[in-house]
Amino acid sequence: MKFILSRHLVKDKIPLLAKRGFKISLAQIKDTVNNPDHIDSESDVPKIIASKNFDTKLILRVVYKLEDDIIKIITVYPAEKGRYY
């Protein structure tokens, strides 16, 4: 699968999260999509939200669209464990 990152994610979201102490890499984003602990494909159709444990208190949530064989990553955000699943 080919991954495409949104302009919002690259220019705004990743730098903002890094300033707030939540540093994530492209490898972590891809791993969350490819090996999620939980997938929500119902609450924001046609978008899919993949979640994966990040540390003892947080999960990483990745919002993406699947278009043919392309995964378009829209945004990512941390969330407290237990909030979504």
Protein backbone atom coordinates (compact mmCIF):
# COMPACT_ATOMS: atom_id res chain seq x y z
CA MET A 1 0.00 0.00 0.00
CA LYS A 2 1.07 3.53 -0.71
CA PHE A 3 0.77 6.15 2.04
CA ILE A 4 -0.03 9.81 1.36
CA LEU A 5 0.12 12.37 4.17
CA SER A 6 -2.22 15.35 4.16
CA ARG A 7 -0.75 18.85 4.09
CA HIS A 8 -2.51 19.57 7.41
CA LEU A 9 -0.78 16.63 9.04
CA VAL A 10 2.72 17.51 7.83
CA LYS A 11 2.63 21.29 8.19
CA ASP A 12 0.41 21.75 11.24
CA LYS A 13 -0.41 18.69 13.29
CA ILE A 14 2.94 16.89 13.69
CA PRO A 15 4.85 20.11 14.59
CA LEU A 16 2.11 21.18 17.03
CA LEU A 17 2.11 17.80 18.77
CA ALA A 18 5.93 17.87 18.97
CA LYS A 19 5.82 21.30 20.66
CA ARG A 20 3.47 19.81 23.23
CA GLY A 21 5.82 16.89 23.91
CA PHE A 22 4.05 14.26 21.82
CA LYS A 23 6.63 13.29 19.20
CA ILE A 24 5.53 10.79 16.61
CA SER A 25 7.23 9.38 13.56
CA LEU A 26 6.00 8.26 10.18
CA ALA A 27 6.93 4.70 11.20
CA GLN A 28 4.60 4.93 14.23
CA ILE A 29 1.79 6.25 12.05
CA LYS A 30 2.24 3.45 9.51
CA ASP A 31 2.45 0.84 12.28
CA THR A 32 -0.82 2.12 13.77
CA VAL A 33 -2.56 1.77 10.40
CA ASN A 34 -1.01 -1.61 9.56
CA ASN A 35 -1.23 -3.20 13.06
CA PRO A 36 -3.93 -1.38 15.03
CA ASP A 37 -5.15 -2.43 18.46
CA HIS A 38 -8.61 -1.13 17.48
CA ILE A 39 -10.33 0.05 14.29
CA ASP A 40 -13.39 2.31 14.13
CA SER A 41 -14.86 2.25 10.64
CA GLU A 42 -18.39 3.27 11.60
CA SER A 43 -18.37 6.64 13.38
CA ASP A 44 -16.94 8.80 10.57
CA VAL A 45 -17.66 6.97 7.30
CA PRO A 46 -15.86 6.89 4.82
CA LYS A 47 -12.93 7.66 7.14
CA ILE A 48 -11.33 4.96 9.26
CA ILE A 49 -9.76 5.56 12.67
CA ALA A 50 -6.99 3.19 13.71
CA SER A 51 -5.82 3.21 17.34
CA LYS A 52 -2.72 1.76 18.95
CA ASN A 53 -1.16 1.93 22.41
CA PHE A 54 1.46 4.68 22.56
CA ASP A 55 2.55 4.57 26.20
CA THR A 56 1.05 3.67 29.59
CA LYS A 57 -1.52 6.50 29.48
CA LEU A 58 -2.09 7.33 25.82
CA ILE A 59 -3.11 5.81 22.52
CA LEU A 60 -2.30 7.14 19.06
CA ARG A 61 -5.32 7.61 16.80
CA VAL A 62 -4.82 7.87 13.04
CA VAL A 63 -7.65 9.07 10.81
CA TYR A 64 -7.34 7.96 7.20
CA LYS A 65 -9.21 7.16 3.99
CA LEU A 66 -8.64 4.08 1.91
CA GLU A 67 -8.84 4.82 -1.82
CA ASP A 68 -8.05 1.78 -3.98
CA ASP A 69 -4.50 0.84 -2.94
CA ILE A 70 -3.69 4.26 -1.42
CA ILE A 71 -3.98 5.13 2.27
CA LYS A 72 -4.46 8.87 2.73
CA ILE A 73 -3.56 9.88 6.28
CA ILE A 74 -5.73 12.85 7.22
CA THR A 75 -4.70 13.51 10.83
CA VAL A 76 -3.37 11.95 14.01
CA TYR A 77 -3.96 12.70 17.66
CA PRO A 78 -3.24 11.30 21.11
CA ALA A 79 -6.08 10.20 23.36
CA GLU A 80 -6.38 8.85 26.88
CA LYS A 81 -6.62 5.09 27.13
CA GLY A 82 -10.21 4.01 27.72
CA ARG A 83 -11.79 7.04 26.11
CA TYR A 84 -12.61 5.41 22.76
CA TYR A 85 -12.34 1.68 23.40
